Amino acid sequence: VNEPSLGDPRVSIVVKGARENNLRDMTVSIPRGKLIGVTGVSGSGKSSLVFDVLAAEGHRKYVESLSAKARHALEKVRRPDVDYVEGLTPVISIEQISAGGAGPRSTVATATEVADYARLLWATVGAPHCPKDGGRVTRRSLDDCVARILEEPLGSRIMLLAPWMKTKASVLREELPRLERRGFQRVRIDGEVKRLDDRDLIPSGTRGRELVVDLVVDRLVLDDSAR
């Protein structure tokens, strides 16, 4: 079986005879499922192709799919000046705005005003994954955590940790006395557990580097009484 070619509407958006604005009977095939950039000199028809042909035809087809009552309530959509557009998937067009007023904390999403929609989309249907190992992050209740711990064999040593801070050694030295006053005895610094009264608590050679510090909340050995 031959693979579909670029001009096949099963894998491409096919525009035939586009004559909107300054387009001159343009015919083009655009592959689907890829990030496509449309470039050219000023007045070459970039916006005419993207907004006045593709986006307009997508909007028109969407309106035509609605009920007669819904179509009556909407403004009549003009058909673009084009012979046909095939293989067009659902369309979202974003208003062209100037990003000149963007601040230093602006992103592409905030400058194009899609940040709120993207945040809602990812929060609703997104699946978070661990940035270190790529594993999927799932929500666990306290009972789930206890059940997972009890799956370990008898005699297993369990350590309960709490993320505390990621900071430089100079800041950490100032915070350690407060931890002792709060009753903590140990911390884990860059993966190594140490007592707060250790003289070499902060590793040498860490000047200017940020340290990852976790609090050791409790330690226990798994036995029958724990089960």
N, C-alpha and C. Protein backbone atom coordinates (compact mmCIF):
# COMPACT_ATOMS: atom_id res chain seq x y z
N VAL A 1 0.85 -1.18 0.00
CA VAL A 1 0.00 0.00 0.00
C VAL A 1 0.89 1.24 0.00
N ASN A 2 0.66 2.14 -0.95
CA ASN A 2 1.45 3.36 -1.04
C ASN A 2 1.07 4.34 0.06
N GLU A 3 2.08 5.02 0.61
CA GLU A 3 1.84 6.05 1.62
C GLU A 3 1.18 7.26 0.97
N PRO A 4 0.26 7.96 1.69
CA PRO A 4 -0.36 9.16 1.13
C PRO A 4 0.68 10.22 0.81
N SER A 5 0.51 10.91 -0.31
CA SER A 5 1.44 11.96 -0.71
C SER A 5 1.08 13.27 -0.03
N LEU A 6 1.95 14.27 -0.18
CA LEU A 6 1.72 15.57 0.47
C LEU A 6 0.43 16.21 0.01
N GLY A 7 0.04 16.01 -1.24
CA GLY A 7 -1.19 16.61 -1.73
C GLY A 7 -2.44 15.86 -1.38
N ASP A 8 -2.32 14.79 -0.60
CA ASP A 8 -3.48 13.99 -0.20
C ASP A 8 -4.14 14.64 1.01
N PRO A 9 -5.45 14.97 0.95
CA PRO A 9 -6.12 15.63 2.08
C PRO A 9 -6.18 14.78 3.34
N ARG A 10 -5.80 13.50 3.26
CA ARG A 10 -5.76 12.68 4.47
C ARG A 10 -4.57 13.06 5.35
N VAL A 11 -3.54 13.64 4.77
CA VAL A 11 -2.35 14.01 5.54
C VAL A 11 -2.00 15.49 5.39
N SER A 12 -2.72 16.21 4.56
CA SER A 12 -2.38 17.61 4.29
C SER A 12 -3.63 18.47 4.20
N ILE A 13 -3.44 19.76 4.40
CA ILE A 13 -4.47 20.75 4.10
C ILE A 13 -4.18 21.24 2.68
N VAL A 14 -5.12 21.02 1.79
CA VAL A 14 -4.92 21.34 0.37
C VAL A 14 -5.75 22.57 0.02
N VAL A 15 -5.08 23.63 -0.41
CA VAL A 15 -5.73 24.87 -0.84
C VAL A 15 -5.59 24.97 -2.36
N LYS A 16 -6.72 25.16 -3.04
CA LYS A 16 -6.71 25.23 -4.50
C LYS A 16 -7.31 26.56 -4.95
N GLY A 17 -6.57 27.33 -5.72
CA GLY A 17 -7.08 28.55 -6.34
C GLY A 17 -7.49 29.63 -5.37
N ALA A 18 -6.63 29.97 -4.40
CA ALA A 18 -6.94 31.03 -3.44
C ALA A 18 -6.72 32.40 -4.09
N ARG A 19 -7.74 33.27 -4.01
CA ARG A 19 -7.67 34.59 -4.64
C ARG A 19 -8.03 35.71 -3.68
N GLU A 20 -7.95 35.46 -2.39
CA GLU A 20 -8.26 36.50 -1.41
C GLU A 20 -7.21 37.61 -1.46
N ASN A 21 -7.68 38.85 -1.45
CA ASN A 21 -6.81 40.03 -1.41
C ASN A 21 -5.75 39.95 -2.51
N ASN A 22 -4.47 39.88 -2.10
CA ASN A 22 -3.41 39.89 -3.10
C ASN A 22 -2.91 38.50 -3.47
N LEU A 23 -3.64 37.45 -3.10
CA LEU A 23 -3.28 36.11 -3.55
C LEU A 23 -3.73 35.94 -4.99
N ARG A 24 -2.90 35.33 -5.79
CA ARG A 24 -3.17 35.19 -7.22
C ARG A 24 -3.32 33.71 -7.59
N ASP A 25 -4.52 33.20 -7.36
CA ASP A 25 -4.83 31.82 -7.74
C ASP A 25 -3.81 30.85 -7.13
N MET A 26 -3.57 31.01 -5.83
CA MET A 26 -2.55 30.21 -5.14
C MET A 26 -3.05 28.80 -4.88
N THR A 27 -2.19 27.82 -5.10
CA THR A 27 -2.45 26.42 -4.76
C THR A 27 -1.28 25.93 -3.90
N VAL A 28 -1.61 25.35 -2.75
CA VAL A 28 -0.56 24.93 -1.82
C VAL A 28 -1.06 23.76 -0.99
N SER A 29 -0.14 22.87 -0.61
CA SER A 29 -0.44 21.75 0.29
C SER A 29 0.37 21.95 1.57
N ILE A 30 -0.31 21.91 2.72
CA ILE A 30 0.33 22.14 4.02
C ILE A 30 0.23 20.86 4.84
N PRO A 31 1.34 20.24 5.22
CA PRO A 31 1.28 18.99 5.99
C PRO A 31 0.63 19.21 7.36
N ARG A 32 -0.23 18.27 7.76
CA ARG A 32 -0.87 18.35 9.08
C ARG A 32 0.04 17.73 10.13
N GLY A 33 -0.22 18.08 11.39
CA GLY A 33 0.53 17.51 12.50
C GLY A 33 1.94 18.03 12.63
N LYS A 34 2.25 19.15 11.98
CA LYS A 34 3.58 19.74 12.07
C LYS A 34 3.45 21.24 12.35
N LEU A 35 4.54 21.81 12.87
CA LEU A 35 4.59 23.25 13.12
C LEU A 35 5.07 23.94 11.84
N ILE A 36 4.19 24.72 11.23
CA ILE A 36 4.48 25.33 9.93
C ILE A 36 4.57 26.84 10.09
N GLY A 37 5.62 27.43 9.56
CA GLY A 37 5.76 28.88 9.54
C GLY A 37 5.52 29.41 8.14
N VAL A 38 4.76 30.49 8.03
CA VAL A 38 4.47 31.12 6.73
C VAL A 38 5.25 32.43 6.69
N THR A 39 6.20 32.53 5.80
CA THR A 39 7.06 33.71 5.74
C THR A 39 7.00 34.35 4.36
N GLY A 40 7.48 35.57 4.28
CA GLY A 40 7.50 36.28 3.00
C GLY A 40 7.61 37.77 3.23
N VAL A 41 7.87 38.51 2.17
CA VAL A 41 7.99 39.96 2.27
C VAL A 41 6.63 40.57 2.55
N SER A 42 6.63 41.82 2.98
CA SER A 42 5.39 42.51 3.25
C SER A 42 4.52 42.57 2.00
N GLY A 43 3.24 42.21 2.16
CA GLY A 43 2.32 42.24 1.04
C GLY A 43 2.32 41.00 0.19
N SER A 44 3.05 39.96 0.62
CA SER A 44 3.11 38.74 -0.19
C SER A 44 1.89 37.84 0.01
N GLY A 45 1.06 38.13 1.02
CA GLY A 45 -0.16 37.35 1.21
C GLY A 45 -0.13 36.36 2.35
N LYS A 46 0.80 36.55 3.29
CA LYS A 46 0.89 35.63 4.43
C LYS A 46 -0.40 35.63 5.24
N SER A 47 -0.83 36.81 5.68
CA SER A 47 -2.05 36.91 6.48
C SER A 47 -3.28 36.53 5.67
N SER A 48 -3.27 36.85 4.40
CA SER A 48 -4.42 36.49 3.56
C SER A 48 -4.60 34.99 3.50
N LEU A 49 -3.50 34.25 3.36
CA LEU A 49 -3.58 32.79 3.30
C LEU A 49 -4.01 32.21 4.64
N VAL A 50 -3.36 32.66 5.72
CA VAL A 50 -3.60 32.04 7.03
C VAL A 50 -4.94 32.45 7.61
N PHE A 51 -5.23 33.77 7.61
CA PHE A 51 -6.43 34.25 8.28
C PHE A 51 -7.65 34.32 7.35
N ASP A 52 -7.45 34.89 6.17
CA ASP A 52 -8.60 35.14 5.29
C ASP A 52 -9.02 33.92 4.48
N VAL A 53 -8.15 32.91 4.40
CA VAL A 53 -8.52 31.68 3.68
C VAL A 53 -8.70 30.53 4.66
N LEU A 54 -7.61 30.12 5.33
CA LEU A 54 -7.67 28.93 6.19
C LEU A 54 -8.57 29.16 7.41
N ALA A 55 -8.31 30.23 8.17
CA ALA A 55 -9.10 30.48 9.37
C ALA A 55 -10.55 30.78 9.02
N ALA A 56 -10.77 31.57 7.96
CA ALA A 56 -12.14 31.91 7.57
C ALA A 56 -12.91 30.68 7.10
N GLU A 57 -12.27 29.81 6.34
CA GLU A 57 -12.95 28.60 5.87
C GLU A 57 -13.23 27.65 7.03
N GLY A 58 -12.29 27.56 7.98
CA GLY A 58 -12.53 26.74 9.16
C GLY A 58 -13.69 27.25 9.98
N HIS A 59 -13.78 28.57 10.14
CA HIS A 59 -14.89 29.18 10.88
C HIS A 59 -16.21 28.95 10.15
N ARG A 60 -16.19 29.09 8.83
CA ARG A 60 -17.41 28.89 8.05
C ARG A 60 -17.92 27.45 8.17
N LYS A 61 -17.01 26.49 8.10
CA LYS A 61 -17.42 25.09 8.21
C LYS A 61 -17.94 24.77 9.61
N TYR A 62 -17.36 25.41 10.61
CA TYR A 62 -17.85 25.20 11.98
C TYR A 62 -19.27 25.73 12.12
N VAL A 63 -19.52 26.93 11.60
CA VAL A 63 -20.86 27.52 11.68
C VAL A 63 -21.86 26.65 10.93
N GLU A 64 -21.47 26.11 9.77
CA GLU A 64 -22.37 25.27 9.00
C GLU A 64 -22.73 23.98 9.73
N SER A 65 -21.89 23.55 10.67
CA SER A 65 -22.17 22.32 11.41
C SER A 65 -23.19 22.53 12.52
N LEU A 66 -23.52 23.78 12.85
CA LEU A 66 -24.46 24.08 13.91
C LEU A 66 -25.89 23.93 13.42
N SER A 67 -26.81 23.95 14.35
CA SER A 67 -28.23 23.86 14.00
C SER A 67 -28.68 25.14 13.31
N ALA A 68 -29.82 25.07 12.62
CA ALA A 68 -30.33 26.24 11.91
C ALA A 68 -30.60 27.39 12.87
N LYS A 69 -31.08 27.08 14.07
CA LYS A 69 -31.36 28.12 15.05
C LYS A 69 -30.08 28.81 15.50
N ALA A 70 -29.02 28.01 15.71
CA ALA A 70 -27.75 28.60 16.14
C ALA A 70 -27.14 29.42 15.02
N ARG A 71 -27.24 28.95 13.78
CA ARG A 71 -26.70 29.71 12.65
C ARG A 71 -27.42 31.03 12.47
N HIS A 72 -28.72 31.03 12.75
CA HIS A 72 -29.50 32.25 12.60
C HIS A 72 -29.05 33.32 13.59
N ALA A 73 -28.60 32.87 14.77
CA ALA A 73 -28.18 33.82 15.81
C ALA A 73 -26.79 34.39 15.54
N LEU A 74 -26.04 33.75 14.65
CA LEU A 74 -24.69 34.20 14.36
C LEU A 74 -24.66 35.04 13.09
N GLU A 75 -23.62 35.85 12.99
CA GLU A 75 -23.45 36.66 11.79
C GLU A 75 -23.10 35.75 10.61
N LYS A 76 -23.68 36.03 9.48
CA LYS A 76 -23.43 35.21 8.29
C LYS A 76 -21.95 35.28 7.92
N VAL A 77 -21.37 34.11 7.68
CA VAL A 77 -19.95 34.03 7.38
C VAL A 77 -19.75 33.94 5.87
N ARG A 78 -18.93 34.82 5.33
CA ARG A 78 -18.66 34.82 3.90
C ARG A 78 -17.67 33.73 3.54
N ARG A 79 -17.93 33.09 2.41
CA ARG A 79 -17.01 32.05 1.95
C ARG A 79 -15.79 32.71 1.33
N PRO A 80 -14.58 32.26 1.68
CA PRO A 80 -13.37 32.85 1.09
C PRO A 80 -13.34 32.65 -0.42
N ASP A 81 -12.65 33.53 -1.10
CA ASP A 81 -12.51 33.44 -2.55
C ASP A 81 -11.45 32.38 -2.87
N VAL A 82 -11.89 31.14 -2.94
CA VAL A 82 -10.99 30.02 -3.17
C VAL A 82 -11.79 28.91 -3.85
N ASP A 83 -11.13 28.14 -4.72
CA ASP A 83 -11.83 27.04 -5.38
C ASP A 83 -12.29 26.01 -4.35
N TYR A 84 -11.35 25.55 -3.52
CA TYR A 84 -11.72 24.63 -2.43
C TYR A 84 -10.56 24.52 -1.45
N VAL A 85 -10.92 24.10 -0.22
CA VAL A 85 -9.93 23.78 0.82
C VAL A 85 -10.30 22.40 1.34
N GLU A 86 -9.40 21.44 1.23
CA GLU A 86 -9.66 20.07 1.68
C GLU A 86 -8.69 19.71 2.81
N GLY A 87 -9.14 18.75 3.65
CA GLY A 87 -8.29 18.26 4.73
C GLY A 87 -8.14 19.22 5.88
N LEU A 88 -9.04 20.21 5.98
CA LEU A 88 -8.92 21.23 7.02
C LEU A 88 -9.43 20.68 8.34
N THR A 89 -8.60 20.72 9.36
CA THR A 89 -8.99 20.30 10.71
C THR A 89 -9.59 21.50 11.45
N PRO A 90 -10.20 21.29 12.65
CA PRO A 90 -10.75 22.42 13.41
C PRO A 90 -9.71 23.53 13.61
N VAL A 91 -10.15 24.76 13.49
CA VAL A 91 -9.25 25.91 13.41
C VAL A 91 -9.40 26.80 14.64
N ILE A 92 -8.28 27.27 15.15
CA ILE A 92 -8.25 28.32 16.18
C ILE A 92 -7.34 29.42 15.65
N SER A 93 -7.86 30.63 15.54
CA SER A 93 -7.04 31.75 15.08
C SER A 93 -6.90 32.75 16.23
N ILE A 94 -5.69 33.25 16.41
CA ILE A 94 -5.38 34.17 17.50
C ILE A 94 -5.16 35.56 16.91
N GLU A 95 -5.78 36.54 17.55
CA GLU A 95 -5.69 37.91 17.05
C GLU A 95 -4.24 38.39 17.01
N GLN A 96 -3.89 39.07 15.93
CA GLN A 96 -2.55 39.63 15.80
C GLN A 96 -2.48 40.93 16.59
N ILE A 97 -1.65 40.93 17.63
CA ILE A 97 -1.51 42.11 18.47
C ILE A 97 -0.04 42.47 18.59
N SER A 98 0.20 43.70 18.98
CA SER A 98 1.58 44.15 19.19
C SER A 98 2.02 43.76 20.59
N ALA A 99 3.20 43.18 20.69
CA ALA A 99 3.74 42.78 21.99
C ALA A 99 4.68 43.84 22.54
N GLY A 100 4.57 45.07 22.02
CA GLY A 100 5.49 46.11 22.42
C GLY A 100 5.39 46.48 23.89
N GLY A 101 4.21 46.25 24.50
CA GLY A 101 4.04 46.60 25.90
C GLY A 101 4.36 45.47 26.85
N ALA A 102 4.95 44.40 26.33
CA ALA A 102 5.26 43.25 27.17
C ALA A 102 6.35 43.60 28.17
N GLY A 103 6.22 43.06 29.38
CA GLY A 103 7.21 43.30 30.41
C GLY A 103 8.29 42.24 30.41
N PRO A 104 9.26 42.35 31.33
CA PRO A 104 10.37 41.38 31.36
C PRO A 104 9.92 39.98 31.73
N ARG A 105 8.75 39.83 32.37
CA ARG A 105 8.26 38.51 32.76
C ARG A 105 7.27 37.95 31.75
N SER A 106 7.07 38.64 30.64
CA SER A 106 6.12 38.18 29.63
C SER A 106 6.65 36.96 28.90
N THR A 107 5.73 36.10 28.48
CA THR A 107 6.07 34.93 27.69
C THR A 107 5.28 35.00 26.39
N VAL A 108 5.53 34.04 25.50
CA VAL A 108 4.75 33.98 24.27
C VAL A 108 3.27 33.82 24.60
N ALA A 109 2.97 33.02 25.62
CA ALA A 109 1.57 32.77 25.99
C ALA A 109 0.89 34.03 26.50
N THR A 110 1.57 34.80 27.36
CA THR A 110 0.94 36.02 27.89
C THR A 110 0.84 37.09 26.81
N ALA A 111 1.86 37.19 25.95
CA ALA A 111 1.84 38.21 24.90
C ALA A 111 0.74 37.95 23.88
N THR A 112 0.41 36.68 23.65
CA THR A 112 -0.64 36.33 22.68
C THR A 112 -1.98 36.09 23.36
N GLU A 113 -2.04 36.28 24.69
CA GLU A 113 -3.28 36.17 25.46
C GLU A 113 -3.87 34.76 25.43
N VAL A 114 -3.02 33.74 25.35
CA VAL A 114 -3.52 32.36 25.42
C VAL A 114 -3.09 31.68 26.72
N ALA A 115 -2.42 32.41 27.61
CA ALA A 115 -1.90 31.80 28.84
C ALA A 115 -3.02 31.21 29.69
N ASP A 116 -4.11 31.96 29.88
CA ASP A 116 -5.21 31.47 30.71
C ASP A 116 -5.86 30.23 30.10
N TYR A 117 -6.01 30.23 28.78
CA TYR A 117 -6.62 29.07 28.12
C TYR A 117 -5.69 27.86 28.21
N ALA A 118 -4.40 28.07 28.02
CA ALA A 118 -3.44 26.97 28.11
C ALA A 118 -3.39 26.41 29.52
N ARG A 119 -3.43 27.31 30.53
CA ARG A 119 -3.42 26.86 31.92
C ARG A 119 -4.64 26.01 32.22
N LEU A 120 -5.81 26.44 31.74
CA LEU A 120 -7.04 25.68 31.96
C LEU A 120 -6.98 24.33 31.24
N LEU A 121 -6.45 24.33 30.01
CA LEU A 121 -6.35 23.09 29.24
C LEU A 121 -5.45 22.08 29.94
N TRP A 122 -4.27 22.51 30.35
CA TRP A 122 -3.33 21.58 30.98
C TRP A 122 -3.82 21.12 32.35
N ALA A 123 -4.49 22.00 33.10
CA ALA A 123 -4.99 21.61 34.41
C ALA A 123 -6.14 20.62 34.29
N THR A 124 -6.89 20.69 33.18
CA THR A 124 -8.06 19.83 33.01
C THR A 124 -7.71 18.49 32.41
N VAL A 125 -6.94 18.48 31.34
CA VAL A 125 -6.68 17.23 30.63
C VAL A 125 -5.20 16.84 30.61
N GLY A 126 -4.34 17.66 31.19
CA GLY A 126 -2.91 17.35 31.16
C GLY A 126 -2.54 16.26 32.15
N ALA A 127 -1.47 15.54 31.87
CA ALA A 127 -0.94 14.49 32.75
C ALA A 127 0.48 14.89 33.14
N PRO A 128 0.70 15.32 34.40
CA PRO A 128 2.04 15.75 34.80
C PRO A 128 3.02 14.57 34.87
N HIS A 129 4.27 14.83 34.50
CA HIS A 129 5.31 13.81 34.53
C HIS A 129 6.53 14.36 35.27
N CYS A 130 7.28 13.47 35.89
CA CYS A 130 8.48 13.84 36.63
C CYS A 130 9.54 14.35 35.66
N PRO A 131 10.13 15.52 35.91
CA PRO A 131 11.15 16.03 34.99
C PRO A 131 12.46 15.25 35.05
N LYS A 132 12.63 14.39 36.08
CA LYS A 132 13.88 13.64 36.21
C LYS A 132 13.83 12.30 35.49
N ASP A 133 12.79 11.47 35.82
CA ASP A 133 12.75 10.13 35.23
C ASP A 133 11.64 9.96 34.20
N GLY A 134 10.80 10.99 34.02
CA GLY A 134 9.75 10.90 33.01
C GLY A 134 8.52 10.13 33.45
N GLY A 135 8.52 9.62 34.68
CA GLY A 135 7.36 8.86 35.17
C GLY A 135 6.17 9.76 35.41
N ARG A 136 4.98 9.19 35.26
CA ARG A 136 3.77 9.98 35.45
C ARG A 136 3.54 10.26 36.93
N VAL A 137 3.17 11.49 37.23
CA VAL A 137 2.91 11.91 38.60
C VAL A 137 1.43 11.70 38.91
N THR A 138 1.15 10.93 39.95
CA THR A 138 -0.23 10.66 40.35
C THR A 138 -0.46 11.15 41.77
N ARG A 139 -1.70 11.49 42.05
CA ARG A 139 -2.05 11.96 43.38
C ARG A 139 -2.22 10.77 44.32
N ARG A 140 -1.61 10.84 45.50
CA ARG A 140 -1.70 9.76 46.49
C ARG A 140 -2.24 10.31 47.80
N SER A 141 -3.15 9.56 48.40
CA SER A 141 -3.67 9.94 49.71
C SER A 141 -2.73 9.42 50.79
N LEU A 142 -2.98 9.81 52.04
CA LEU A 142 -2.16 9.31 53.15
C LEU A 142 -2.27 7.80 53.25
N ASP A 143 -3.47 7.26 53.07
CA ASP A 143 -3.64 5.80 53.13
C ASP A 143 -2.85 5.11 52.02
N ASP A 144 -2.80 5.72 50.83
CA ASP A 144 -2.02 5.14 49.73
C ASP A 144 -0.54 5.08 50.09
N CYS A 145 -0.03 6.15 50.71
CA CYS A 145 1.38 6.18 51.09
C CYS A 145 1.70 5.14 52.16
N VAL A 146 0.81 5.01 53.15
CA VAL A 146 1.02 4.01 54.20
C VAL A 146 1.00 2.61 53.62
N ALA A 147 0.04 2.35 52.73
CA ALA A 147 -0.05 1.03 52.11
C ALA A 147 1.21 0.71 51.31
N ARG A 148 1.77 1.72 50.63
CA ARG A 148 2.99 1.49 49.86
C ARG A 148 4.16 1.16 50.77
N ILE A 149 4.27 1.85 51.90
CA ILE A 149 5.35 1.58 52.85
C ILE A 149 5.24 0.18 53.43
N LEU A 150 4.02 -0.24 53.74
CA LEU A 150 3.81 -1.56 54.35
C LEU A 150 4.07 -2.70 53.38
N GLU A 151 4.26 -2.40 52.11
CA GLU A 151 4.64 -3.44 51.15
C GLU A 151 6.10 -3.85 51.30
N GLU A 152 6.89 -3.03 51.98
CA GLU A 152 8.30 -3.34 52.19
C GLU A 152 8.45 -4.47 53.21
N PRO A 153 9.53 -5.27 53.12
CA PRO A 153 9.72 -6.39 54.06
C PRO A 153 10.00 -5.91 55.47
N LEU A 154 9.78 -6.80 56.45
CA LEU A 154 10.08 -6.48 57.85
C LEU A 154 11.55 -6.13 58.01
N GLY A 155 11.83 -5.18 58.87
CA GLY A 155 13.20 -4.75 59.10
C GLY A 155 13.65 -3.62 58.20
N SER A 156 12.82 -3.25 57.25
CA SER A 156 13.19 -2.15 56.35
C SER A 156 13.25 -0.83 57.12
N ARG A 157 14.24 -0.03 56.81
CA ARG A 157 14.39 1.28 57.45
C ARG A 157 13.67 2.33 56.60
N ILE A 158 12.78 3.05 57.23
CA ILE A 158 11.97 4.05 56.54
C ILE A 158 12.36 5.43 57.05
N MET A 159 12.51 6.37 56.13
CA MET A 159 12.83 7.75 56.50
C MET A 159 11.78 8.67 55.88
N LEU A 160 11.17 9.49 56.73
CA LEU A 160 10.16 10.45 56.28
C LEU A 160 10.83 11.80 56.09
N LEU A 161 10.82 12.30 54.86
CA LEU A 161 11.47 13.56 54.52
C LEU A 161 10.46 14.60 54.07
N ALA A 162 10.82 15.85 54.25
CA ALA A 162 9.99 16.96 53.77
C ALA A 162 10.89 17.94 53.03
N PRO A 163 10.57 18.28 51.77
CA PRO A 163 11.38 19.27 51.05
C PRO A 163 11.40 20.59 51.82
N TRP A 164 12.57 21.19 51.94
CA TRP A 164 12.67 22.42 52.72
C TRP A 164 13.10 23.61 51.87
N MET A 165 14.29 23.55 51.32
CA MET A 165 14.74 24.70 50.54
C MET A 165 15.86 24.30 49.59
N LYS A 166 16.05 25.16 48.60
CA LYS A 166 17.20 25.07 47.70
C LYS A 166 17.90 26.41 47.79
N THR A 167 19.06 26.42 48.44
CA THR A 167 19.69 27.70 48.76
C THR A 167 21.20 27.56 48.81
N LYS A 168 21.88 28.68 48.96
CA LYS A 168 23.33 28.68 49.06
C LYS A 168 23.76 28.39 50.49
N ALA A 169 25.03 27.98 50.65
CA ALA A 169 25.55 27.58 51.95
C ALA A 169 25.46 28.71 52.97
N SER A 170 25.70 29.95 52.54
CA SER A 170 25.67 31.08 53.47
C SER A 170 24.29 31.27 54.08
N VAL A 171 23.25 31.10 53.28
CA VAL A 171 21.88 31.22 53.79
C VAL A 171 21.54 30.04 54.68
N LEU A 172 21.99 28.84 54.29
CA LEU A 172 21.70 27.64 55.08
C LEU A 172 22.29 27.74 56.48
N ARG A 173 23.49 28.29 56.61
CA ARG A 173 24.12 28.43 57.93
C ARG A 173 23.26 29.28 58.86
N GLU A 174 22.62 30.30 58.32
CA GLU A 174 21.78 31.17 59.15
C GLU A 174 20.49 30.48 59.57
N GLU A 175 20.00 29.54 58.76
CA GLU A 175 18.73 28.90 59.05
C GLU A 175 18.85 27.69 59.97
N LEU A 176 20.02 27.06 60.02
CA LEU A 176 20.17 25.82 60.80
C LEU A 176 19.84 25.99 62.29
N PRO A 177 20.28 27.08 62.97
CA PRO A 177 19.91 27.22 64.39
C PRO A 177 18.40 27.25 64.61
N ARG A 178 17.66 27.81 63.69
CA ARG A 178 16.20 27.84 63.83
C ARG A 178 15.63 26.43 63.76
N LEU A 179 16.23 25.59 62.93
CA LEU A 179 15.76 24.20 62.85
C LEU A 179 15.96 23.49 64.18
N GLU A 180 17.12 23.68 64.79
CA GLU A 180 17.38 23.03 66.08
C GLU A 180 16.38 23.48 67.13
N ARG A 181 16.06 24.77 67.14
CA ARG A 181 15.09 25.27 68.11
C ARG A 181 13.70 24.68 67.88
N ARG A 182 13.40 24.29 66.65
CA ARG A 182 12.10 23.69 66.34
C ARG A 182 12.09 22.19 66.60
N GLY A 183 13.21 21.63 67.04
CA GLY A 183 13.24 20.22 67.42
C GLY A 183 13.76 19.26 66.38
N PHE A 184 14.19 19.75 65.23
CA PHE A 184 14.75 18.85 64.21
C PHE A 184 16.17 18.46 64.59
N GLN A 185 16.55 17.23 64.23
CA GLN A 185 17.88 16.74 64.55
C GLN A 185 18.73 16.44 63.32
N ARG A 186 18.08 16.19 62.20
CA ARG A 186 18.82 15.81 61.00
C ARG A 186 18.25 16.52 59.77
N VAL A 187 19.09 16.67 58.78
CA VAL A 187 18.68 17.18 57.47
C VAL A 187 19.38 16.33 56.40
N ARG A 188 18.84 16.38 55.20
CA ARG A 188 19.51 15.74 54.07
C ARG A 188 19.95 16.84 53.11
N ILE A 189 21.25 16.91 52.88
CA ILE A 189 21.82 17.94 52.01
C ILE A 189 22.41 17.27 50.78
N ASP A 190 21.85 17.61 49.62
CA ASP A 190 22.30 17.02 48.35
C ASP A 190 22.35 15.50 48.43
N GLY A 191 21.32 14.91 49.08
CA GLY A 191 21.20 13.46 49.12
C GLY A 191 21.91 12.79 50.28
N GLU A 192 22.64 13.53 51.10
CA GLU A 192 23.38 12.95 52.23
C GLU A 192 22.76 13.42 53.55
N VAL A 193 22.40 12.44 54.42
CA VAL A 193 21.77 12.76 55.70
C VAL A 193 22.85 13.10 56.73
N LYS A 194 22.64 14.21 57.44
CA LYS A 194 23.61 14.64 58.45
C LYS A 194 22.88 15.17 59.67
N ARG A 195 23.55 15.04 60.84
CA ARG A 195 23.00 15.61 62.06
C ARG A 195 23.28 17.11 62.10
N LEU A 196 22.38 17.83 62.75
CA LEU A 196 22.54 19.28 62.82
C LEU A 196 23.74 19.69 63.65
N ASP A 197 24.22 18.79 64.55
CA ASP A 197 25.39 19.14 65.37
C ASP A 197 26.71 18.67 64.76
N ASP A 198 26.66 18.15 63.53
CA ASP A 198 27.90 17.76 62.85
C ASP A 198 28.71 19.00 62.49
N ARG A 199 30.03 18.92 62.69
CA ARG A 199 30.88 20.05 62.36
C ARG A 199 30.98 20.25 60.84
N ASP A 200 30.99 19.14 60.12
CA ASP A 200 31.09 19.22 58.66
C ASP A 200 29.72 19.08 58.01
N LEU A 201 28.74 19.72 58.63
CA LEU A 201 27.37 19.60 58.14
C LEU A 201 27.24 20.08 56.70
N ILE A 202 27.80 21.23 56.41
CA ILE A 202 27.73 21.77 55.05
C ILE A 202 28.95 21.30 54.27
N PRO A 203 28.76 20.62 53.15
CA PRO A 203 29.89 20.08 52.39
C PRO A 203 30.85 21.18 51.97
N SER A 204 32.12 20.84 51.90
CA SER A 204 33.13 21.79 51.44
C SER A 204 33.04 21.95 49.92
N GLY A 205 33.54 23.05 49.44
CA GLY A 205 33.55 23.29 48.00
C GLY A 205 32.19 23.63 47.42
N THR A 206 31.27 24.11 48.28
CA THR A 206 29.92 24.44 47.80
C THR A 206 29.69 25.94 47.71
N ARG A 207 30.73 26.72 47.81
CA ARG A 207 30.57 28.18 47.78
C ARG A 207 29.99 28.62 46.45
N GLY A 208 28.91 29.39 46.53
CA GLY A 208 28.26 29.90 45.33
C GLY A 208 27.30 28.92 44.67
N ARG A 209 27.29 27.67 45.14
CA ARG A 209 26.41 26.67 44.54
C ARG A 209 25.18 26.46 45.42
N GLU A 210 24.04 26.24 44.81
CA GLU A 210 22.81 26.01 45.57
C GLU A 210 22.75 24.57 46.05
N LEU A 211 22.35 24.40 47.30
CA LEU A 211 22.21 23.08 47.92
C LEU A 211 20.74 22.73 48.05
N VAL A 212 20.40 21.48 47.81
CA VAL A 212 19.04 21.00 47.98
C VAL A 212 18.93 20.38 49.36
N VAL A 213 18.06 20.95 50.20
CA VAL A 213 17.97 20.55 51.61
C VAL A 213 16.57 20.02 51.91
N ASP A 214 16.52 18.82 52.51
CA ASP A 214 15.26 18.22 52.97
C ASP A 214 15.33 18.03 54.47
N LEU A 215 14.19 18.16 55.13
CA LEU A 215 14.10 17.92 56.57
C LEU A 215 13.84 16.44 56.83
N VAL A 216 14.57 15.86 57.79
CA VAL A 216 14.29 14.50 58.24
C VAL A 216 13.24 14.60 59.34
N VAL A 217 12.00 14.27 58.99
CA VAL A 217 10.89 14.40 59.94
C VAL A 217 10.89 13.25 60.93
N ASP A 218 11.14 12.03 60.45
CA ASP A 218 11.12 10.86 61.33
C ASP A 218 11.85 9.72 60.66
N ARG A 219 12.30 8.75 61.49
CA ARG A 219 12.90 7.51 61.00
C ARG A 219 12.29 6.36 61.77
N LEU A 220 12.08 5.25 61.11
CA LEU A 220 11.51 4.09 61.79
C LEU A 220 11.96 2.82 61.10
N VAL A 221 11.87 1.72 61.84
CA VAL A 221 12.15 0.39 61.31
C VAL A 221 10.83 -0.35 61.22
N LEU A 222 10.54 -0.92 60.07
CA LEU A 222 9.26 -1.58 59.84
C LEU A 222 9.23 -2.91 60.58
N ASP A 223 8.27 -3.06 61.50
CA ASP A 223 8.11 -4.32 62.23
C ASP A 223 6.63 -4.66 62.34
N ASP A 224 6.32 -5.73 63.07
CA ASP A 224 4.93 -6.18 63.17
C ASP A 224 4.04 -5.13 63.83
N SER A 225 4.59 -4.38 64.78
CA SER A 225 3.75 -3.38 65.45
C SER A 225 3.35 -2.28 64.49
N ALA A 226 4.23 -1.96 63.53
CA ALA A 226 3.90 -0.93 62.55
C ALA A 226 2.80 -1.41 61.63
N ARG A 227 2.79 -2.71 61.32
CA ARG A 227 1.76 -3.24 60.45
C ARG A 227 0.42 -3.30 61.19
